C-alpha atoms as a PDB file:
ATOM      1  CA  UNK A   1      30.007  -7.823 -32.898  1.00  0.00           C
ATOM      2  CA  UNK A   2      27.907  -9.664 -35.510  1.00  0.00           C
ATOM      3  CA  UNK A   3      29.293 -10.431 -38.929  1.00  0.00           C
ATOM      4  CA  UNK A   4      27.327 -10.055 -42.160  1.00  0.00           C
ATOM      5  CA  UNK A   5      26.079 -13.131 -44.005  1.00  0.00           C
ATOM      6  CA  UNK A   6      25.362 -12.859 -47.717  1.00  0.00           C
ATOM      7  CA  UNK A   7      23.246 -15.765 -49.001  1.00  0.00           C
ATOM      8  CA  UNK A   8      23.018 -16.236 -52.735  1.00  0.00           C
ATOM      9  CA  UNK A   9      22.203 -18.814 -55.375  1.00  0.00           C
ATOM     10  CA  UNK A  10      22.962 -19.870 -58.895  1.00  0.00           C
ATOM     11  CA  UNK A  11      20.063 -20.865 -61.152  1.00  0.00           C
ATOM     12  CA  UNK A  12      20.922 -22.616 -64.406  1.00  0.00           C
ATOM     13  CA  UNK A  13      18.894 -22.528 -67.621  1.00  0.00           C
ATOM     14  CA  UNK A  14      16.877 -25.587 -66.488  1.00  0.00           C
ATOM     15  CA  UNK A  15      16.035 -23.774 -63.218  1.00  0.00           C
ATOM     16  CA  UNK A  16      18.194 -26.060 -61.046  1.00  0.00           C
ATOM     17  CA  UNK A  17      19.486 -24.107 -58.089  1.00  0.00           C
ATOM     18  CA  UNK A  18      22.690 -24.217 -56.072  1.00  0.00           C
ATOM     19  CA  UNK A  19      22.663 -22.248 -52.806  1.00  0.00           C
ATOM     20  CA  UNK A  20      25.618 -20.824 -50.950  1.00  0.00           C
ATOM     21  CA  UNK A  21      26.704 -18.066 -48.625  1.00  0.00           C
ATOM     22  CA  UNK A  22      29.710 -16.124 -47.424  1.00  0.00           C
ATOM     23  CA  UNK A  23      30.260 -14.319 -44.143  1.00  0.00           C
ATOM     24  CA  UNK A  24      32.055 -10.985 -44.043  1.00  0.00           C
ATOM     25  CA  UNK A  25      33.563  -9.273 -41.019  1.00  0.00           C
ATOM     26  CA  UNK A  26      31.801  -6.199 -39.686  1.00  0.00           C
ATOM     27  CA  UNK A  27      34.494  -4.176 -37.891  1.00  0.00           C
ATOM     28  CA  UNK A  28      32.589  -0.897 -38.285  1.00  0.00           C
ATOM     29  CA  UNK A  29      29.471  -2.546 -36.880  1.00  0.00           C
ATOM     30  CA  UNK A  30      27.245  -1.315 -39.677  1.00  0.00           C
ATOM     31  CA  UNK A  31      23.569  -2.058 -39.239  1.00  0.00           C
ATOM     32  CA  UNK A  32      21.648  -4.643 -41.197  1.00  0.00           C
ATOM     33  CA  UNK A  33      19.831  -1.827 -42.988  1.00  0.00           C
ATOM     34  CA  UNK A  34      23.145  -0.261 -44.048  1.00  0.00           C
ATOM     35  CA  UNK A  35      24.476  -3.626 -45.242  1.00  0.00           C
ATOM     36  CA  UNK A  36      21.310  -4.328 -47.246  1.00  0.00           C
ATOM     37  CA  UNK A  37      21.425  -0.871 -48.796  1.00  0.00           C
ATOM     38  CA  UNK A  38      25.082  -1.228 -49.745  1.00  0.00           C
ATOM     39  CA  UNK A  39      24.586  -4.678 -51.297  1.00  0.00           C
ATOM     40  CA  UNK A  40      21.442  -3.546 -53.146  1.00  0.00           C
ATOM     41  CA  UNK A  41      23.325  -0.614 -54.653  1.00  0.00           C
ATOM     42  CA  UNK A  42      25.761  -3.064 -56.282  1.00  0.00           C
ATOM     43  CA  UNK A  43      23.168  -5.405 -57.833  1.00  0.00           C
ATOM     44  CA  UNK A  44      22.135  -5.636 -61.475  1.00  0.00           C
ATOM     45  CA  UNK A  45      18.376  -5.020 -61.749  1.00  0.00           C
ATOM     46  CA  UNK A  46      18.169  -5.171 -57.952  1.00  0.00           C
ATOM     47  CA  UNK A  47      18.766  -8.933 -57.904  1.00  0.00           C
ATOM     48  CA  UNK A  48      21.797 -10.235 -59.824  1.00  0.00           C
ATOM     49  CA  UNK A  49      25.579 -10.071 -59.574  1.00  0.00           C
ATOM     50  CA  UNK A  50      28.693 -11.693 -60.999  1.00  0.00           C
ATOM     51  CA  UNK A  51      30.482 -13.743 -58.347  1.00  0.00           C
ATOM     52  CA  UNK A  52      33.927 -13.035 -59.788  1.00  0.00           C
ATOM     53  CA  UNK A  53      33.342  -9.266 -59.606  1.00  0.00           C
ATOM     54  CA  UNK A  54      32.327  -9.595 -55.962  1.00  0.00           C
ATOM     55  CA  UNK A  55      35.233 -11.970 -55.288  1.00  0.00           C
ATOM     56  CA  UNK A  56      32.977 -14.649 -53.815  1.00  0.00           C
ATOM     57  CA  UNK A  57      32.892 -18.305 -54.874  1.00  0.00           C
ATOM     58  CA  UNK A  58      30.801 -19.047 -57.912  1.00  0.00           C
ATOM     59  CA  UNK A  59      28.167 -21.740 -57.529  1.00  0.00           C
ATOM     60  CA  UNK A  60      28.217 -23.102 -61.058  1.00  0.00           C
ATOM     61  CA  UNK A  61      27.397 -26.824 -61.238  1.00  0.00           C
ATOM     62  CA  UNK A  62      29.670 -29.311 -62.995  1.00  0.00           C
ATOM     63  CA  UNK A  63      27.245 -29.200 -65.932  1.00  0.00           C
ATOM     64  CA  UNK A  64      27.659 -25.422 -66.383  1.00  0.00           C
ATOM     65  CA  UNK A  65      27.608 -24.413 -70.059  1.00  0.00           C
ATOM     66  CA  UNK A  66      28.274 -20.689 -70.609  1.00  0.00           C
ATOM     67  CA  UNK A  67      26.602 -20.748 -74.014  1.00  0.00           C
ATOM     68  CA  UNK A  68      23.293 -21.904 -72.473  1.00  0.00           C
ATOM     69  CA  UNK A  69      23.401 -21.022 -68.783  1.00  0.00           C
ATOM     70  CA  UNK A  70      23.415 -17.545 -67.262  1.00  0.00           C
ATOM     71  CA  UNK A  71      26.677 -16.360 -65.761  1.00  0.00           C
ATOM     72  CA  UNK A  72      25.199 -14.323 -62.911  1.00  0.00           C
ATOM     73  CA  UNK A  73      24.134 -15.237 -59.405  1.00  0.00           C
ATOM     74  CA  UNK A  74      21.083 -14.076 -57.447  1.00  0.00           C
ATOM     75  CA  UNK A  75      21.009 -12.476 -54.038  1.00  0.00           C
ATOM     76  CA  UNK A  76      18.856 -14.331 -51.503  1.00  0.00           C
ATOM     77  CA  UNK A  77      19.415 -12.389 -48.296  1.00  0.00           C
ATOM     78  CA  UNK A  78      21.693 -10.273 -46.165  1.00  0.00           C
ATOM     79  CA  UNK A  79      21.654 -10.875 -42.426  1.00  0.00           C
ATOM     80  CA  UNK A  80      23.650 -10.383 -39.267  1.00  0.00           C
ATOM     81  CA  UNK A  81      25.230 -13.538 -37.881  1.00  0.00           C
ATOM     82  CA  UNK A  82      27.557 -14.776 -35.187  1.00  0.00           C
ATOM     83  CA  UNK A  83      29.035 -17.318 -37.605  1.00  0.00           C
ATOM     84  CA  UNK A  84      32.773 -16.966 -38.184  1.00  0.00           C
ATOM     85  CA  UNK A  85      33.808 -14.955 -41.217  1.00  0.00           C
ATOM     86  CA  UNK A  86      34.517 -16.765 -44.472  1.00  0.00           C
ATOM     87  CA  UNK A  87      36.885 -13.896 -45.217  1.00  0.00           C
ATOM     88  CA  UNK A  88      38.436 -13.036 -41.815  1.00  0.00           C
ATOM     89  CA  UNK A  89      40.123  -9.855 -43.009  1.00  0.00           C
ATOM     90  CA  UNK A  90      37.538  -8.624 -45.481  1.00  0.00           C
ATOM     91  CA  UNK A  91      34.600  -6.452 -44.485  1.00  0.00           C
ATOM     92  CA  UNK A  92      31.556  -6.323 -46.732  1.00  0.00           C
ATOM     93  CA  UNK A  93      32.229  -2.663 -47.363  1.00  0.00           C
ATOM     94  CA  UNK A  94      35.612  -0.944 -47.432  1.00  0.00           C
ATOM     95  CA  UNK A  95      35.929   2.619 -46.139  1.00  0.00           C
END
């Protein structure tokens, strides 16, 4: 059963980027299309999200300055993967 990989990035005000990803379990074996649709429904303007609200690690650099830099992250992709889950007991979508 493939897990679901969420790749995202943080882009600071100088356009420097930090990339990261998390892998969620997929016990209900939802399809990639379902996962993409679910994630898209939770995005701000179809692209952005706050890492703390999604309970995923933030990717802020050491130079992060909340008065100058944005506080949101950007979605890069959602894909199925055989990589082990970052959150072994946490599916991407709860019932």
